[in-house]
Amino acid sequence: MFGLYITHPQVTIDPDIPVPRWSLSDGGRARVEAAARQAWVQRLGRIVSSDETKAVETADILARAAGVPVEIAGDTHENDRSATGFLPPPDFEKAADQFFARPEQSFRGWERAADAQARIVSAVTRILDAHDPQVPIAFVGHGGVGTLLKCHLQRRPIARDEDQSGGGGNLYCFSLADRRVSCNWTPIEDWQGV
């Protein structure tokens, strides 16, 4: 059976609101609604979300289509970037480059990539160890920690070239039997399932 890691799509950027409380933009919401019409969503037996607003909103739309509740796992949040607060997109991209390139170092007080990876891997492992492997499951979260988890599942070092493109709203699939990635980042509305 399969597991998915799904990243929230585009958000409404508001420098006056803490990043974890940002909501989906109209375009991001439309993308999740399009994905929710795909047959693979109805196969999901469990949906686990980060507690960040944009992830919960994404998970809620998918969960309604799947007919399952959303479970919140607070330790699956995005890497902690509160030390710098909001960074304009060009500055954020440079910071993210540093985050991935130097996983053992903190970028201006951010959670280190090595620590964020240990946290997301521990959370997902804990959930999967208690999960029925015959039931498809989706984790809904964020690009940074999703990439760190993907690197772990692929048994590769942390690297930004494993990151999604297009600003979010992508997924990768992995086998629940061996926890290996079986498809690379794909836009959520385009994925056709296994």
N, C-alpha and C. Protein backbone atom coordinates (compact mmCIF):
# COMPACT_ATOMS: atom_id res chain seq x y z
N MET A 1 0.84 -1.17 0.00
CA MET A 1 0.00 0.00 0.00
C MET A 1 0.89 1.24 0.00
N PHE A 2 0.27 2.40 -0.18
CA PHE A 2 1.07 3.60 -0.37
C PHE A 2 0.87 4.64 0.74
N GLY A 3 1.90 5.43 0.91
CA GLY A 3 1.86 6.62 1.74
C GLY A 3 2.19 7.81 0.87
N LEU A 4 1.69 8.97 1.26
CA LEU A 4 1.97 10.20 0.52
C LEU A 4 2.48 11.26 1.48
N TYR A 5 3.38 12.08 0.96
CA TYR A 5 3.71 13.32 1.65
C TYR A 5 3.23 14.43 0.72
N ILE A 6 2.32 15.26 1.22
CA ILE A 6 1.67 16.31 0.42
C ILE A 6 2.03 17.67 1.02
N THR A 7 2.47 18.58 0.18
CA THR A 7 2.75 19.93 0.67
C THR A 7 1.58 20.86 0.35
N HIS A 8 1.32 21.77 1.27
CA HIS A 8 0.27 22.77 1.02
C HIS A 8 0.66 23.58 -0.22
N PRO A 9 -0.32 24.00 -1.01
CA PRO A 9 -0.01 24.86 -2.16
C PRO A 9 0.08 26.33 -1.76
N GLN A 10 -0.04 27.20 -2.70
CA GLN A 10 0.19 28.63 -2.54
C GLN A 10 -0.64 29.23 -1.41
N VAL A 11 -0.03 30.20 -0.73
CA VAL A 11 -0.65 30.85 0.42
C VAL A 11 -0.79 32.34 0.18
N THR A 12 -1.59 32.96 1.03
CA THR A 12 -1.69 34.41 1.05
C THR A 12 -0.59 34.92 1.97
N ILE A 13 0.40 35.60 1.39
CA ILE A 13 1.54 36.10 2.16
C ILE A 13 1.13 37.39 2.86
N ASP A 14 1.31 37.40 4.17
CA ASP A 14 0.97 38.58 4.96
C ASP A 14 2.07 38.77 6.01
N PRO A 15 2.99 39.73 5.81
CA PRO A 15 4.09 39.92 6.75
C PRO A 15 3.63 40.24 8.17
N ASP A 16 2.36 40.66 8.35
CA ASP A 16 1.85 41.00 9.68
C ASP A 16 1.30 39.79 10.44
N ILE A 17 1.22 38.64 9.77
CA ILE A 17 0.73 37.41 10.40
C ILE A 17 1.90 36.44 10.50
N PRO A 18 2.07 35.76 11.65
CA PRO A 18 3.13 34.76 11.74
C PRO A 18 2.98 33.71 10.63
N VAL A 19 4.08 33.33 10.03
CA VAL A 19 4.06 32.40 8.89
C VAL A 19 3.26 31.12 9.18
N PRO A 20 3.37 30.50 10.36
CA PRO A 20 2.57 29.29 10.60
C PRO A 20 1.06 29.50 10.54
N ARG A 21 0.60 30.73 10.61
CA ARG A 21 -0.84 31.02 10.60
C ARG A 21 -1.33 31.50 9.24
N TRP A 22 -0.45 31.54 8.23
CA TRP A 22 -0.88 31.91 6.90
C TRP A 22 -1.91 30.92 6.37
N SER A 23 -2.85 31.42 5.56
CA SER A 23 -3.89 30.60 4.95
C SER A 23 -3.59 30.36 3.47
N LEU A 24 -4.29 29.39 2.93
CA LEU A 24 -4.20 29.15 1.50
C LEU A 24 -4.73 30.35 0.73
N SER A 25 -4.11 30.64 -0.40
CA SER A 25 -4.65 31.66 -1.31
C SER A 25 -5.83 31.05 -2.07
N ASP A 26 -6.57 31.87 -2.78
CA ASP A 26 -7.66 31.34 -3.60
C ASP A 26 -7.14 30.34 -4.62
N GLY A 27 -5.98 30.65 -5.21
CA GLY A 27 -5.39 29.72 -6.18
C GLY A 27 -4.94 28.43 -5.53
N GLY A 28 -4.36 28.51 -4.34
CA GLY A 28 -3.95 27.31 -3.62
C GLY A 28 -5.13 26.44 -3.26
N ARG A 29 -6.20 27.08 -2.77
CA ARG A 29 -7.41 26.34 -2.41
C ARG A 29 -8.00 25.65 -3.65
N ALA A 30 -8.01 26.34 -4.79
CA ALA A 30 -8.54 25.75 -6.02
C ALA A 30 -7.74 24.52 -6.43
N ARG A 31 -6.43 24.58 -6.23
CA ARG A 31 -5.59 23.42 -6.58
C ARG A 31 -5.93 22.22 -5.69
N VAL A 32 -6.12 22.44 -4.39
CA VAL A 32 -6.46 21.33 -3.49
C VAL A 32 -7.83 20.77 -3.85
N GLU A 33 -8.76 21.65 -4.17
CA GLU A 33 -10.10 21.19 -4.56
C GLU A 33 -10.04 20.36 -5.84
N ALA A 34 -9.18 20.74 -6.78
CA ALA A 34 -9.01 19.94 -8.00
C ALA A 34 -8.41 18.58 -7.66
N ALA A 35 -7.43 18.57 -6.77
CA ALA A 35 -6.82 17.30 -6.35
C ALA A 35 -7.85 16.41 -5.65
N ALA A 36 -8.73 17.03 -4.85
CA ALA A 36 -9.72 16.26 -4.09
C ALA A 36 -10.69 15.50 -5.00
N ARG A 37 -10.76 15.88 -6.25
CA ARG A 37 -11.63 15.17 -7.20
C ARG A 37 -10.94 13.96 -7.83
N GLN A 38 -9.66 13.78 -7.55
CA GLN A 38 -8.92 12.64 -8.11
C GLN A 38 -9.27 11.36 -7.33
N ALA A 39 -9.28 10.23 -8.03
CA ALA A 39 -9.68 8.95 -7.43
C ALA A 39 -8.79 8.54 -6.26
N TRP A 40 -7.50 8.91 -6.31
CA TRP A 40 -6.59 8.49 -5.24
C TRP A 40 -6.99 9.05 -3.88
N VAL A 41 -7.65 10.20 -3.86
CA VAL A 41 -8.03 10.81 -2.58
C VAL A 41 -9.05 9.92 -1.87
N GLN A 42 -10.00 9.35 -2.60
CA GLN A 42 -11.01 8.50 -1.99
C GLN A 42 -10.40 7.22 -1.41
N ARG A 43 -9.21 6.87 -1.83
CA ARG A 43 -8.55 5.67 -1.30
C ARG A 43 -7.88 5.91 0.05
N LEU A 44 -7.69 7.17 0.41
CA LEU A 44 -6.99 7.47 1.66
C LEU A 44 -7.83 7.04 2.86
N GLY A 45 -7.19 6.32 3.75
CA GLY A 45 -7.86 5.89 4.98
C GLY A 45 -7.44 6.69 6.19
N ARG A 46 -6.44 7.53 6.00
CA ARG A 46 -5.93 8.31 7.13
C ARG A 46 -5.21 9.54 6.58
N ILE A 47 -5.44 10.69 7.22
CA ILE A 47 -4.77 11.94 6.85
C ILE A 47 -4.23 12.57 8.12
N VAL A 48 -2.92 12.81 8.13
CA VAL A 48 -2.23 13.40 9.28
C VAL A 48 -1.65 14.72 8.82
N SER A 49 -1.92 15.78 9.59
CA SER A 49 -1.50 17.12 9.19
C SER A 49 -0.64 17.79 10.25
N SER A 50 0.24 18.63 9.79
CA SER A 50 0.91 19.62 10.64
C SER A 50 -0.18 20.50 11.24
N ASP A 51 0.15 21.20 12.32
CA ASP A 51 -0.84 22.09 12.93
C ASP A 51 -0.82 23.50 12.36
N GLU A 52 -0.01 23.74 11.33
CA GLU A 52 0.02 25.07 10.71
C GLU A 52 -1.23 25.26 9.85
N THR A 53 -1.77 26.46 9.85
CA THR A 53 -3.05 26.75 9.22
C THR A 53 -3.12 26.28 7.77
N LYS A 54 -2.13 26.60 6.98
CA LYS A 54 -2.16 26.25 5.55
C LYS A 54 -2.18 24.74 5.34
N ALA A 55 -1.51 23.99 6.21
CA ALA A 55 -1.53 22.53 6.10
C ALA A 55 -2.89 21.98 6.53
N VAL A 56 -3.44 22.51 7.63
CA VAL A 56 -4.74 22.05 8.11
C VAL A 56 -5.82 22.34 7.07
N GLU A 57 -5.77 23.51 6.44
CA GLU A 57 -6.75 23.83 5.40
C GLU A 57 -6.64 22.85 4.23
N THR A 58 -5.43 22.53 3.84
CA THR A 58 -5.21 21.55 2.76
C THR A 58 -5.77 20.19 3.17
N ALA A 59 -5.41 19.75 4.37
CA ALA A 59 -5.86 18.44 4.86
C ALA A 59 -7.37 18.37 4.98
N ASP A 60 -8.00 19.45 5.43
CA ASP A 60 -9.46 19.46 5.59
C ASP A 60 -10.17 19.21 4.26
N ILE A 61 -9.71 19.86 3.21
CA ILE A 61 -10.33 19.67 1.89
C ILE A 61 -10.19 18.23 1.42
N LEU A 62 -9.00 17.67 1.58
CA LEU A 62 -8.76 16.29 1.17
C LEU A 62 -9.55 15.32 2.04
N ALA A 63 -9.62 15.60 3.34
CA ALA A 63 -10.31 14.70 4.27
C ALA A 63 -11.81 14.65 4.00
N ARG A 64 -12.40 15.78 3.65
CA ARG A 64 -13.83 15.79 3.30
C ARG A 64 -14.07 14.88 2.10
N ALA A 65 -13.19 14.94 1.11
CA ALA A 65 -13.35 14.10 -0.08
C ALA A 65 -13.12 12.63 0.23
N ALA A 66 -12.20 12.36 1.16
CA ALA A 66 -11.89 10.97 1.51
C ALA A 66 -12.86 10.39 2.53
N GLY A 67 -13.59 11.26 3.23
CA GLY A 67 -14.51 10.79 4.26
C GLY A 67 -13.81 10.32 5.52
N VAL A 68 -12.68 10.94 5.84
CA VAL A 68 -11.93 10.59 7.04
C VAL A 68 -11.64 11.87 7.84
N PRO A 69 -11.38 11.74 9.13
CA PRO A 69 -11.02 12.93 9.91
C PRO A 69 -9.57 13.32 9.68
N VAL A 70 -9.24 14.54 10.02
CA VAL A 70 -7.85 14.99 10.00
C VAL A 70 -7.26 14.78 11.39
N GLU A 71 -6.09 14.14 11.44
CA GLU A 71 -5.35 14.00 12.69
C GLU A 71 -4.25 15.05 12.68
N ILE A 72 -4.05 15.73 13.78
CA ILE A 72 -3.01 16.75 13.89
C ILE A 72 -1.81 16.16 14.61
N ALA A 73 -0.65 16.32 14.02
CA ALA A 73 0.62 15.91 14.64
C ALA A 73 1.49 17.17 14.72
N GLY A 74 1.51 17.78 15.88
CA GLY A 74 2.19 19.05 16.06
C GLY A 74 3.68 19.03 15.75
N ASP A 75 4.30 17.86 15.87
CA ASP A 75 5.74 17.78 15.63
C ASP A 75 6.09 17.60 14.15
N THR A 76 5.11 17.76 13.26
CA THR A 76 5.39 17.68 11.82
C THR A 76 5.41 19.06 11.17
N HIS A 77 5.49 20.10 11.99
CA HIS A 77 5.50 21.48 11.47
C HIS A 77 6.75 21.74 10.62
N GLU A 78 6.69 22.84 9.88
CA GLU A 78 7.81 23.27 9.04
C GLU A 78 9.00 23.61 9.93
N ASN A 79 10.19 23.68 9.32
CA ASN A 79 11.36 24.06 10.11
C ASN A 79 11.11 25.43 10.75
N ASP A 80 11.53 25.56 11.98
CA ASP A 80 11.28 26.78 12.76
C ASP A 80 12.16 27.90 12.22
N ARG A 81 11.50 28.91 11.65
CA ARG A 81 12.20 30.05 11.07
C ARG A 81 11.82 31.34 11.80
N SER A 82 11.27 31.21 12.99
CA SER A 82 10.75 32.38 13.71
C SER A 82 11.85 33.37 14.07
N ALA A 83 13.10 32.94 14.11
CA ALA A 83 14.18 33.86 14.48
C ALA A 83 14.32 35.01 13.50
N THR A 84 13.98 34.78 12.24
CA THR A 84 14.08 35.86 11.26
C THR A 84 12.71 36.45 10.93
N GLY A 85 11.63 35.75 11.27
CA GLY A 85 10.32 36.23 10.86
C GLY A 85 10.19 36.18 9.35
N PHE A 86 9.26 36.95 8.83
CA PHE A 86 9.02 36.97 7.39
C PHE A 86 10.25 37.45 6.63
N LEU A 87 10.58 36.73 5.57
CA LEU A 87 11.62 37.17 4.63
C LEU A 87 10.98 37.30 3.26
N PRO A 88 11.22 38.40 2.55
CA PRO A 88 10.69 38.51 1.18
C PRO A 88 11.17 37.32 0.34
N PRO A 89 10.37 36.89 -0.63
CA PRO A 89 10.71 35.68 -1.39
C PRO A 89 12.16 35.57 -1.88
N PRO A 90 12.78 36.60 -2.45
CA PRO A 90 14.17 36.41 -2.89
C PRO A 90 15.12 36.12 -1.71
N ASP A 91 14.89 36.80 -0.59
CA ASP A 91 15.72 36.56 0.59
C ASP A 91 15.44 35.19 1.19
N PHE A 92 14.18 34.78 1.16
CA PHE A 92 13.84 33.47 1.67
C PHE A 92 14.53 32.37 0.86
N GLU A 93 14.54 32.50 -0.46
CA GLU A 93 15.17 31.47 -1.30
C GLU A 93 16.66 31.36 -0.99
N LYS A 94 17.33 32.49 -0.77
CA LYS A 94 18.75 32.45 -0.40
C LYS A 94 18.93 31.78 0.95
N ALA A 95 18.04 32.09 1.89
CA ALA A 95 18.12 31.47 3.21
C ALA A 95 17.90 29.96 3.12
N ALA A 96 16.93 29.56 2.31
CA ALA A 96 16.66 28.13 2.14
C ALA A 96 17.86 27.41 1.53
N ASP A 97 18.54 28.07 0.60
CA ASP A 97 19.77 27.48 0.04
C ASP A 97 20.76 27.18 1.16
N GLN A 98 20.94 28.12 2.07
CA GLN A 98 21.87 27.95 3.19
C GLN A 98 21.39 26.85 4.14
N PHE A 99 20.10 26.82 4.40
CA PHE A 99 19.50 25.82 5.29
C PHE A 99 19.85 24.41 4.81
N PHE A 100 19.66 24.16 3.52
CA PHE A 100 19.94 22.83 2.97
C PHE A 100 21.44 22.57 2.78
N ALA A 101 22.19 23.59 2.43
CA ALA A 101 23.62 23.41 2.14
C ALA A 101 24.44 23.14 3.40
N ARG A 102 23.99 23.67 4.53
CA ARG A 102 24.73 23.52 5.79
C ARG A 102 23.80 22.97 6.87
N PRO A 103 23.43 21.68 6.75
CA PRO A 103 22.41 21.13 7.64
C PRO A 103 22.78 21.11 9.12
N GLU A 104 24.06 21.17 9.42
CA GLU A 104 24.49 21.14 10.82
C GLU A 104 24.61 22.55 11.41
N GLN A 105 24.36 23.57 10.60
CA GLN A 105 24.45 24.96 11.08
C GLN A 105 23.08 25.62 11.02
N SER A 106 22.89 26.57 11.92
CA SER A 106 21.65 27.34 11.93
C SER A 106 21.83 28.59 11.09
N PHE A 107 20.86 28.85 10.23
CA PHE A 107 20.85 30.10 9.49
C PHE A 107 20.16 31.15 10.34
N ARG A 108 20.93 32.09 10.86
CA ARG A 108 20.40 33.23 11.64
C ARG A 108 19.35 32.83 12.67
N GLY A 109 19.61 31.71 13.36
CA GLY A 109 18.71 31.28 14.43
C GLY A 109 17.63 30.29 14.02
N TRP A 110 17.55 29.94 12.73
CA TRP A 110 16.58 28.94 12.28
C TRP A 110 16.90 27.59 12.92
N GLU A 111 15.89 26.74 13.02
CA GLU A 111 16.12 25.35 13.36
C GLU A 111 17.06 24.76 12.32
N ARG A 112 18.05 24.02 12.78
CA ARG A 112 19.00 23.41 11.84
C ARG A 112 18.29 22.33 11.01
N ALA A 113 18.72 22.17 9.76
CA ALA A 113 18.12 21.14 8.90
C ALA A 113 18.28 19.75 9.51
N ALA A 114 19.43 19.49 10.12
CA ALA A 114 19.65 18.18 10.74
C ALA A 114 18.63 17.92 11.85
N ASP A 115 18.33 18.96 12.64
CA ASP A 115 17.36 18.80 13.73
C ASP A 115 15.94 18.68 13.19
N ALA A 116 15.61 19.47 12.17
CA ALA A 116 14.27 19.40 11.57
C ALA A 116 14.07 18.02 10.94
N GLN A 117 15.12 17.48 10.32
CA GLN A 117 15.01 16.16 9.72
C GLN A 117 14.79 15.10 10.80
N ALA A 118 15.55 15.16 11.88
CA ALA A 118 15.38 14.19 12.96
C ALA A 118 13.95 14.25 13.51
N ARG A 119 13.41 15.46 13.64
CA ARG A 119 12.06 15.63 14.17
C ARG A 119 11.00 15.04 13.24
N ILE A 120 11.05 15.37 11.93
CA ILE A 120 10.03 14.88 11.01
C ILE A 120 10.15 13.37 10.81
N VAL A 121 11.37 12.85 10.75
CA VAL A 121 11.56 11.41 10.60
C VAL A 121 11.01 10.68 11.83
N SER A 122 11.30 11.21 13.01
CA SER A 122 10.80 10.59 14.24
C SER A 122 9.27 10.60 14.27
N ALA A 123 8.66 11.71 13.91
CA ALA A 123 7.19 11.82 13.92
C ALA A 123 6.56 10.85 12.94
N VAL A 124 7.06 10.83 11.71
CA VAL A 124 6.48 9.95 10.68
C VAL A 124 6.71 8.49 11.03
N THR A 125 7.89 8.17 11.54
CA THR A 125 8.19 6.79 11.95
C THR A 125 7.25 6.35 13.06
N ARG A 126 7.05 7.20 14.06
CA ARG A 126 6.15 6.89 15.17
C ARG A 126 4.74 6.60 14.66
N ILE A 127 4.27 7.43 13.76
CA ILE A 127 2.91 7.27 13.22
C ILE A 127 2.81 6.01 12.37
N LEU A 128 3.79 5.78 11.51
CA LEU A 128 3.75 4.61 10.63
C LEU A 128 3.93 3.31 11.39
N ASP A 129 4.74 3.33 12.45
CA ASP A 129 4.95 2.10 13.23
C ASP A 129 3.65 1.61 13.88
N ALA A 130 2.71 2.52 14.14
CA ALA A 130 1.43 2.15 14.75
C ALA A 130 0.30 2.10 13.71
N HIS A 131 0.64 2.23 12.45
CA HIS A 131 -0.35 2.33 11.38
C HIS A 131 -0.51 0.99 10.66
N ASP A 132 -1.73 0.66 10.26
CA ASP A 132 -2.00 -0.54 9.47
C ASP A 132 -1.45 -0.33 8.06
N PRO A 133 -0.43 -1.11 7.65
CA PRO A 133 0.19 -0.88 6.34
C PRO A 133 -0.70 -1.22 5.16
N GLN A 134 -1.89 -1.72 5.41
CA GLN A 134 -2.84 -1.98 4.31
C GLN A 134 -3.73 -0.77 4.02
N VAL A 135 -3.56 0.29 4.82
CA VAL A 135 -4.41 1.49 4.70
C VAL A 135 -3.59 2.64 4.14
N PRO A 136 -3.94 3.18 2.97
CA PRO A 136 -3.22 4.33 2.43
C PRO A 136 -3.31 5.52 3.39
N ILE A 137 -2.20 6.22 3.55
CA ILE A 137 -2.10 7.33 4.48
C ILE A 137 -1.45 8.52 3.78
N ALA A 138 -1.87 9.72 4.15
CA ALA A 138 -1.26 10.93 3.63
C ALA A 138 -0.82 11.80 4.79
N PHE A 139 0.38 12.32 4.69
CA PHE A 139 0.90 13.33 5.59
C PHE A 139 0.82 14.66 4.85
N VAL A 140 0.20 15.66 5.46
CA VAL A 140 0.06 16.96 4.83
C VAL A 140 0.93 17.95 5.61
N GLY A 141 1.84 18.59 4.88
CA GLY A 141 2.76 19.47 5.57
C GLY A 141 3.41 20.48 4.66
N HIS A 142 4.72 20.50 4.71
CA HIS A 142 5.49 21.63 4.20
C HIS A 142 6.68 21.17 3.37
N GLY A 143 7.11 22.05 2.47
CA GLY A 143 8.17 21.71 1.54
C GLY A 143 9.50 21.41 2.19
N GLY A 144 9.89 22.22 3.17
CA GLY A 144 11.20 22.03 3.80
C GLY A 144 11.31 20.68 4.49
N VAL A 145 10.43 20.41 5.46
CA VAL A 145 10.52 19.14 6.18
C VAL A 145 10.12 17.97 5.28
N GLY A 146 9.25 18.21 4.31
CA GLY A 146 8.92 17.15 3.35
C GLY A 146 10.14 16.72 2.56
N THR A 147 10.96 17.68 2.19
CA THR A 147 12.20 17.37 1.47
C THR A 147 13.19 16.64 2.38
N LEU A 148 13.27 17.07 3.63
CA LEU A 148 14.16 16.39 4.58
C LEU A 148 13.73 14.94 4.80
N LEU A 149 12.42 14.71 4.88
CA LEU A 149 11.91 13.34 5.00
C LEU A 149 12.22 12.55 3.74
N LYS A 150 12.02 13.16 2.58
CA LYS A 150 12.31 12.49 1.31
C LYS A 150 13.78 12.07 1.23
N CYS A 151 14.68 12.96 1.63
CA CYS A 151 16.10 12.61 1.63
C CYS A 151 16.34 11.38 2.51
N HIS A 152 15.71 11.34 3.68
CA HIS A 152 15.85 10.19 4.57
C HIS A 152 15.31 8.92 3.93
N LEU A 153 14.11 9.00 3.37
CA LEU A 153 13.50 7.82 2.76
C LEU A 153 14.31 7.30 1.58
N GLN A 154 15.00 8.20 0.89
CA GLN A 154 15.83 7.80 -0.24
C GLN A 154 17.25 7.44 0.18
N ARG A 155 17.51 7.52 1.47
CA ARG A 155 18.85 7.22 2.01
C ARG A 155 19.91 8.10 1.35
N ARG A 156 19.58 9.40 1.21
CA ARG A 156 20.48 10.36 0.60
C ARG A 156 20.79 11.47 1.59
N PRO A 157 21.92 12.13 1.41
CA PRO A 157 22.20 13.27 2.28
C PRO A 157 21.22 14.42 2.02
N ILE A 158 21.09 15.28 2.99
CA ILE A 158 20.23 16.46 2.85
C ILE A 158 20.76 17.30 1.70
N ALA A 159 19.85 17.65 0.77
CA ALA A 159 20.24 18.44 -0.39
C ALA A 159 19.02 19.14 -0.96
N ARG A 160 19.20 20.38 -1.34
CA ARG A 160 18.06 21.14 -1.88
C ARG A 160 17.63 20.63 -3.25
N ASP A 161 18.49 19.93 -3.96
CA ASP A 161 18.06 19.43 -5.27
C ASP A 161 16.98 18.35 -5.15
N GLU A 162 16.68 17.92 -3.92
CA GLU A 162 15.56 16.99 -3.68
C GLU A 162 14.27 17.75 -3.40
N ASP A 163 14.34 19.09 -3.35
CA ASP A 163 13.21 19.94 -3.01
C ASP A 163 12.20 20.00 -4.16
N GLN A 164 10.98 20.32 -3.83
CA GLN A 164 9.94 20.51 -4.84
C GLN A 164 10.18 21.80 -5.61
N SER A 165 9.56 21.90 -6.75
CA SER A 165 9.60 23.16 -7.49
C SER A 165 8.18 23.69 -7.60
N GLY A 166 8.04 24.93 -7.98
CA GLY A 166 6.72 25.48 -8.21
C GLY A 166 6.03 26.06 -6.99
N GLY A 167 6.72 26.12 -5.85
CA GLY A 167 6.16 26.82 -4.70
C GLY A 167 5.13 26.05 -3.89
N GLY A 168 5.06 24.77 -3.98
CA GLY A 168 4.16 24.01 -3.13
C GLY A 168 3.04 23.36 -3.90
N GLY A 169 2.25 22.58 -3.15
CA GLY A 169 1.14 21.86 -3.78
C GLY A 169 1.60 20.66 -4.57
N ASN A 170 2.59 19.95 -4.02
CA ASN A 170 3.13 18.76 -4.67
C ASN A 170 3.06 17.58 -3.70
N LEU A 171 3.31 16.41 -4.23
CA LEU A 171 3.36 15.23 -3.38
C LEU A 171 4.42 14.28 -3.93
N TYR A 172 4.87 13.40 -3.04
CA TYR A 172 5.60 12.20 -3.48
C TYR A 172 4.97 11.02 -2.78
N CYS A 173 5.13 9.88 -3.41
CA CYS A 173 4.54 8.64 -2.92
C CYS A 173 5.66 7.74 -2.41
N PHE A 174 5.34 6.98 -1.37
CA PHE A 174 6.29 5.98 -0.89
C PHE A 174 5.54 4.72 -0.51
N SER A 175 6.23 3.61 -0.57
CA SER A 175 5.65 2.31 -0.24
C SER A 175 5.59 2.17 1.28
N LEU A 176 4.47 1.71 1.80
CA LEU A 176 4.39 1.46 3.24
C LEU A 176 5.14 0.19 3.62
N ALA A 177 5.37 -0.70 2.67
CA ALA A 177 6.07 -1.95 2.97
C ALA A 177 7.54 -1.71 3.29
N ASP A 178 8.19 -0.88 2.47
CA ASP A 178 9.63 -0.67 2.70
C ASP A 178 10.00 0.79 2.92
N ARG A 179 9.01 1.68 2.88
CA ARG A 179 9.21 3.10 3.11
C ARG A 179 10.25 3.70 2.16
N ARG A 180 10.12 3.31 0.92
CA ARG A 180 10.96 3.86 -0.14
C ARG A 180 10.11 4.70 -1.08
N VAL A 181 10.69 5.80 -1.54
CA VAL A 181 9.98 6.70 -2.44
C VAL A 181 9.74 5.99 -3.77
N SER A 182 8.49 6.05 -4.23
CA SER A 182 8.14 5.38 -5.49
C SER A 182 7.78 6.36 -6.60
N CYS A 183 7.58 7.64 -6.26
CA CYS A 183 7.43 8.65 -7.31
C CYS A 183 7.93 9.97 -6.76
N ASN A 184 8.51 10.76 -7.64
CA ASN A 184 9.10 12.04 -7.26
C ASN A 184 8.00 13.09 -7.10
N TRP A 185 8.39 14.29 -6.65
CA TRP A 185 7.43 15.39 -6.50
C TRP A 185 6.58 15.53 -7.75
N THR A 186 5.28 15.57 -7.56
CA THR A 186 4.30 15.71 -8.64
C THR A 186 3.23 16.69 -8.17
N PRO A 187 2.76 17.60 -9.02
CA PRO A 187 1.66 18.48 -8.60
C PRO A 187 0.45 17.66 -8.14
N ILE A 188 -0.15 18.09 -7.04
CA ILE A 188 -1.23 17.30 -6.44
C ILE A 188 -2.41 17.08 -7.39
N GLU A 189 -2.70 18.05 -8.23
CA GLU A 189 -3.85 17.90 -9.11
C GLU A 189 -3.54 17.03 -10.34
N ASP A 190 -2.24 16.73 -10.55
CA ASP A 190 -1.83 15.93 -11.71
C ASP A 190 -1.60 14.46 -11.38
N TRP A 191 -1.33 14.14 -10.11
CA TRP A 191 -0.97 12.76 -9.77
C TRP A 191 -2.16 11.84 -10.02
N GLN A 192 -1.90 10.70 -10.63
CA GLN A 192 -2.97 9.78 -10.98
C GLN A 192 -3.07 8.58 -10.05
N GLY A 193 -2.23 8.53 -9.03
CA GLY A 193 -2.28 7.42 -8.08
C GLY A 193 -1.40 6.27 -8.50
N VAL A 194 -1.43 5.22 -7.68
CA VAL A 194 -0.59 4.04 -7.94
C VAL A 194 -1.41 2.97 -8.64
